[in-house]
């Protein structure tokens, strides 16, 4: 059974940090690009960041310099370190995976909902207060 288990969400004040983790199982981790999308209240879901098996990363302009994505292949886990959080980062964050890494380029760089993802995890809420 394919599973993407997201964890690490919570509530912080602006300027604070959170670390999201996505634990993958049920598929060959190295064959997939994994990352994060988010959906804020009243807004469409958008790509945030991704990492491919060759180490290629993508970041939305709104998070560059503040968020860092990393992968631990031994643990089949992808993490998103989020620093200098802003109220506009408040959203439900979803972990997703696709065998076509270019789908992440589309989702993150064009801020679209990730229609090409193969697998989805349940969301984790991130709330940043001002």
C-alpha atoms as a PDB file:
ATOM      1  CA  UNK A   1       0.000   0.000   0.000  1.00  0.00           C
ATOM      2  CA  UNK A   2       1.364   3.390  -1.016  1.00  0.00           C
ATOM      3  CA  UNK A   3       1.581   5.867   1.818  1.00  0.00           C
ATOM      4  CA  UNK A   4       2.875   9.411   2.165  1.00  0.00           C
ATOM      5  CA  UNK A   5       2.740  10.331   5.826  1.00  0.00           C
ATOM      6  CA  UNK A   6       3.150  14.046   6.457  1.00  0.00           C
ATOM      7  CA  UNK A   7       3.988  15.439   9.867  1.00  0.00           C
ATOM      8  CA  UNK A   8       5.408  18.526  11.537  1.00  0.00           C
ATOM      9  CA  UNK A   9       2.713  21.126  11.036  1.00  0.00           C
ATOM     10  CA  UNK A  10       1.689  23.481  13.814  1.00  0.00           C
ATOM     11  CA  UNK A  11       1.212  27.076  14.894  1.00  0.00           C
ATOM     12  CA  UNK A  12       4.025  29.603  15.157  1.00  0.00           C
ATOM     13  CA  UNK A  13       4.463  33.338  15.247  1.00  0.00           C
ATOM     14  CA  UNK A  14       5.824  35.236  12.286  1.00  0.00           C
ATOM     15  CA  UNK A  15       9.562  34.794  12.016  1.00  0.00           C
ATOM     16  CA  UNK A  16       9.441  31.344  13.533  1.00  0.00           C
ATOM     17  CA  UNK A  17      10.355  27.968  12.043  1.00  0.00           C
ATOM     18  CA  UNK A  18       8.752  24.619  11.403  1.00  0.00           C
ATOM     19  CA  UNK A  19      10.018  21.427   9.826  1.00  0.00           C
ATOM     20  CA  UNK A  20       7.681  19.251   7.799  1.00  0.00           C
ATOM     21  CA  UNK A  21       8.480  15.616   7.082  1.00  0.00           C
ATOM     22  CA  UNK A  22       7.021  13.229   4.528  1.00  0.00           C
ATOM     23  CA  UNK A  23       7.635   9.525   5.094  1.00  0.00           C
ATOM     24  CA  UNK A  24       7.080   7.444   1.964  1.00  0.00           C
ATOM     25  CA  UNK A  25       6.326   3.746   1.699  1.00  0.00           C
ATOM     26  CA  UNK A  26       4.852   1.290  -0.785  1.00  0.00           C
ATOM     27  CA  UNK A  27       6.783   2.458  -3.835  1.00  0.00           C
ATOM     28  CA  UNK A  28      10.386   2.745  -4.974  1.00  0.00           C
ATOM     29  CA  UNK A  29      11.485   5.997  -3.384  1.00  0.00           C
ATOM     30  CA  UNK A  30      14.394   6.594  -5.742  1.00  0.00           C
ATOM     31  CA  UNK A  31      12.122   6.480  -8.804  1.00  0.00           C
ATOM     32  CA  UNK A  32      10.003   9.413  -7.697  1.00  0.00           C
ATOM     33  CA  UNK A  33      10.289  13.149  -7.233  1.00  0.00           C
ATOM     34  CA  UNK A  34       8.662  14.234  -3.999  1.00  0.00           C
ATOM     35  CA  UNK A  35       7.667  17.588  -2.685  1.00  0.00           C
ATOM     36  CA  UNK A  36       5.111  19.848  -1.124  1.00  0.00           C
ATOM     37  CA  UNK A  37       2.106  21.802  -2.254  1.00  0.00           C
ATOM     38  CA  UNK A  38      -0.045  24.049  -0.108  1.00  0.00           C
ATOM     39  CA  UNK A  39      -3.557  25.401  -0.098  1.00  0.00           C
ATOM     40  CA  UNK A  40      -4.444  28.539   1.790  1.00  0.00           C
ATOM     41  CA  UNK A  41      -8.045  29.330   2.730  1.00  0.00           C
ATOM     42  CA  UNK A  42      -9.972  30.532  -0.297  1.00  0.00           C
ATOM     43  CA  UNK A  43      -7.065  29.955  -2.656  1.00  0.00           C
ATOM     44  CA  UNK A  44      -6.074  27.324  -5.153  1.00  0.00           C
ATOM     45  CA  UNK A  45      -3.486  24.722  -4.229  1.00  0.00           C
ATOM     46  CA  UNK A  46       0.026  25.581  -5.438  1.00  0.00           C
ATOM     47  CA  UNK A  47       3.412  23.937  -5.640  1.00  0.00           C
ATOM     48  CA  UNK A  48       5.930  25.010  -2.997  1.00  0.00           C
ATOM     49  CA  UNK A  49       9.047  22.903  -3.340  1.00  0.00           C
ATOM     50  CA  UNK A  50      10.261  19.574  -4.655  1.00  0.00           C
ATOM     51  CA  UNK A  51      13.308  17.349  -4.865  1.00  0.00           C
ATOM     52  CA  UNK A  52      14.128  14.721  -7.467  1.00  0.00           C
ATOM     53  CA  UNK A  53      16.192  11.572  -7.112  1.00  0.00           C
ATOM     54  CA  UNK A  54      19.114  13.294  -8.820  1.00  0.00           C
ATOM     55  CA  UNK A  55      18.986  16.087  -6.242  1.00  0.00           C
ATOM     56  CA  UNK A  56      17.338  18.692  -8.453  1.00  0.00           C
ATOM     57  CA  UNK A  57      15.251  21.049  -6.358  1.00  0.00           C
ATOM     58  CA  UNK A  58      12.567  23.591  -7.166  1.00  0.00           C
ATOM     59  CA  UNK A  59      11.257  26.400  -5.008  1.00  0.00           C
ATOM     60  CA  UNK A  60       8.416  28.806  -5.491  1.00  0.00           C
ATOM     61  CA  UNK A  61       9.649  32.403  -5.592  1.00  0.00           C
ATOM     62  CA  UNK A  62       7.651  33.194  -2.463  1.00  0.00           C
ATOM     63  CA  UNK A  63       9.679  30.743  -0.362  1.00  0.00           C
ATOM     64  CA  UNK A  64      13.160  30.985  -1.875  1.00  0.00           C
ATOM     65  CA  UNK A  65      15.779  31.729   0.732  1.00  0.00           C
ATOM     66  CA  UNK A  66      13.431  30.743   3.561  1.00  0.00           C
ATOM     67  CA  UNK A  67      12.524  27.116   2.853  1.00  0.00           C
ATOM     68  CA  UNK A  68      14.938  24.237   2.277  1.00  0.00           C
ATOM     69  CA  UNK A  69      13.935  20.813   1.026  1.00  0.00           C
ATOM     70  CA  UNK A  70      16.043  17.721   1.642  1.00  0.00           C
ATOM     71  CA  UNK A  71      15.818  13.999   1.145  1.00  0.00           C
ATOM     72  CA  UNK A  72      16.991  11.088   3.275  1.00  0.00           C
ATOM     73  CA  UNK A  73      16.963   8.114   0.920  1.00  0.00           C
ATOM     74  CA  UNK A  74      17.926   5.681   3.688  1.00  0.00           C
ATOM     75  CA  UNK A  75      14.751   6.623   5.567  1.00  0.00           C
ATOM     76  CA  UNK A  76      12.563   7.292   2.506  1.00  0.00           C
ATOM     77  CA  UNK A  77      11.796  10.699   3.919  1.00  0.00           C
ATOM     78  CA  UNK A  78      11.640  14.180   2.450  1.00  0.00           C
ATOM     79  CA  UNK A  79      11.780  17.166   4.786  1.00  0.00           C
ATOM     80  CA  UNK A  80      10.932  20.829   4.332  1.00  0.00           C
ATOM     81  CA  UNK A  81      12.655  23.209   6.716  1.00  0.00           C
ATOM     82  CA  UNK A  82      10.641  26.421   6.858  1.00  0.00           C
ATOM     83  CA  UNK A  83      12.315  29.458   8.388  1.00  0.00           C
ATOM     84  CA  UNK A  84      11.310  33.110   8.674  1.00  0.00           C
ATOM     85  CA  UNK A  85       7.685  32.098   8.373  1.00  0.00           C
ATOM     86  CA  UNK A  86       5.148  34.704   7.356  1.00  0.00           C
ATOM     87  CA  UNK A  87       1.388  34.863   7.891  1.00  0.00           C
ATOM     88  CA  UNK A  88       0.945  34.306   4.153  1.00  0.00           C
ATOM     89  CA  UNK A  89       2.576  30.884   4.571  1.00  0.00           C
ATOM     90  CA  UNK A  90      -0.512  29.779   6.493  1.00  0.00           C
ATOM     91  CA  UNK A  91      -2.009  26.841   4.613  1.00  0.00           C
ATOM     92  CA  UNK A  92      -2.576  23.129   4.593  1.00  0.00           C
ATOM     93  CA  UNK A  93       0.618  21.557   3.271  1.00  0.00           C
ATOM     94  CA  UNK A  94       0.430  18.363   1.211  1.00  0.00           C
ATOM     95  CA  UNK A  95       3.194  15.929   0.397  1.00  0.00           C
ATOM     96  CA  UNK A  96       3.017  14.373  -3.063  1.00  0.00           C
ATOM     97  CA  UNK A  97       5.071  12.180  -5.377  1.00  0.00           C
ATOM     98  CA  UNK A  98       5.369  11.722  -9.126  1.00  0.00           C
ATOM     99  CA  UNK A  99       7.467   9.533 -11.389  1.00  0.00           C
ATOM    100  CA  UNK A 100       7.702  12.451 -13.832  1.00  0.00           C
ATOM    101  CA  UNK A 101       9.939  15.026 -12.201  1.00  0.00           C
ATOM    102  CA  UNK A 102       8.926  17.666 -14.749  1.00  0.00           C
ATOM    103  CA  UNK A 103       5.473  17.690 -13.137  1.00  0.00           C
ATOM    104  CA  UNK A 104       7.080  19.300 -10.112  1.00  0.00           C
ATOM    105  CA  UNK A 105       8.718  21.941 -12.251  1.00  0.00           C
ATOM    106  CA  UNK A 106       5.253  22.742 -13.570  1.00  0.00           C
ATOM    107  CA  UNK A 107       3.580  22.741 -10.161  1.00  0.00           C
ATOM    108  CA  UNK A 108       6.228  24.797  -8.386  1.00  0.00           C
ATOM    109  CA  UNK A 109       7.392  27.218 -11.040  1.00  0.00           C
ATOM    110  CA  UNK A 110       3.906  27.965 -12.393  1.00  0.00           C
ATOM    111  CA  UNK A 111       2.191  27.725  -8.985  1.00  0.00           C
ATOM    112  CA  UNK A 112      -0.380  25.207 -10.156  1.00  0.00           C
ATOM    113  CA  UNK A 113      -2.169  22.480  -8.180  1.00  0.00           C
ATOM    114  CA  UNK A 114      -0.031  19.518  -9.140  1.00  0.00           C
ATOM    115  CA  UNK A 115      -2.417  17.683 -11.460  1.00  0.00           C
ATOM    116  CA  UNK A 116       0.325  15.274 -12.515  1.00  0.00           C
ATOM    117  CA  UNK A 117       1.064  13.824  -9.090  1.00  0.00           C
ATOM    118  CA  UNK A 118       0.785  10.057  -8.716  1.00  0.00           C
ATOM    119  CA  UNK A 119       0.464   9.880  -4.954  1.00  0.00           C
ATOM    120  CA  UNK A 120      -0.793  12.240  -2.257  1.00  0.00           C
ATOM    121  CA  UNK A 121      -0.494  12.365   1.471  1.00  0.00           C
ATOM    122  CA  UNK A 122      -2.972  13.879   3.865  1.00  0.00           C
ATOM    123  CA  UNK A 123      -2.382  17.523   4.582  1.00  0.00           C
ATOM    124  CA  UNK A 124      -0.797  19.049   7.636  1.00  0.00           C
ATOM    125  CA  UNK A 125      -1.860  22.474   8.860  1.00  0.00           C
ATOM    126  CA  UNK A 126       0.664  25.290   9.179  1.00  0.00           C
ATOM    127  CA  UNK A 127      -0.573  28.451  10.867  1.00  0.00           C
ATOM    128  CA  UNK A 128       1.592  31.564  11.168  1.00  0.00           C
ATOM    129  CA  UNK A 129       0.303  34.396  13.297  1.00  0.00           C
ATOM    130  CA  UNK A 130       1.433  37.993  13.041  1.00  0.00           C
END
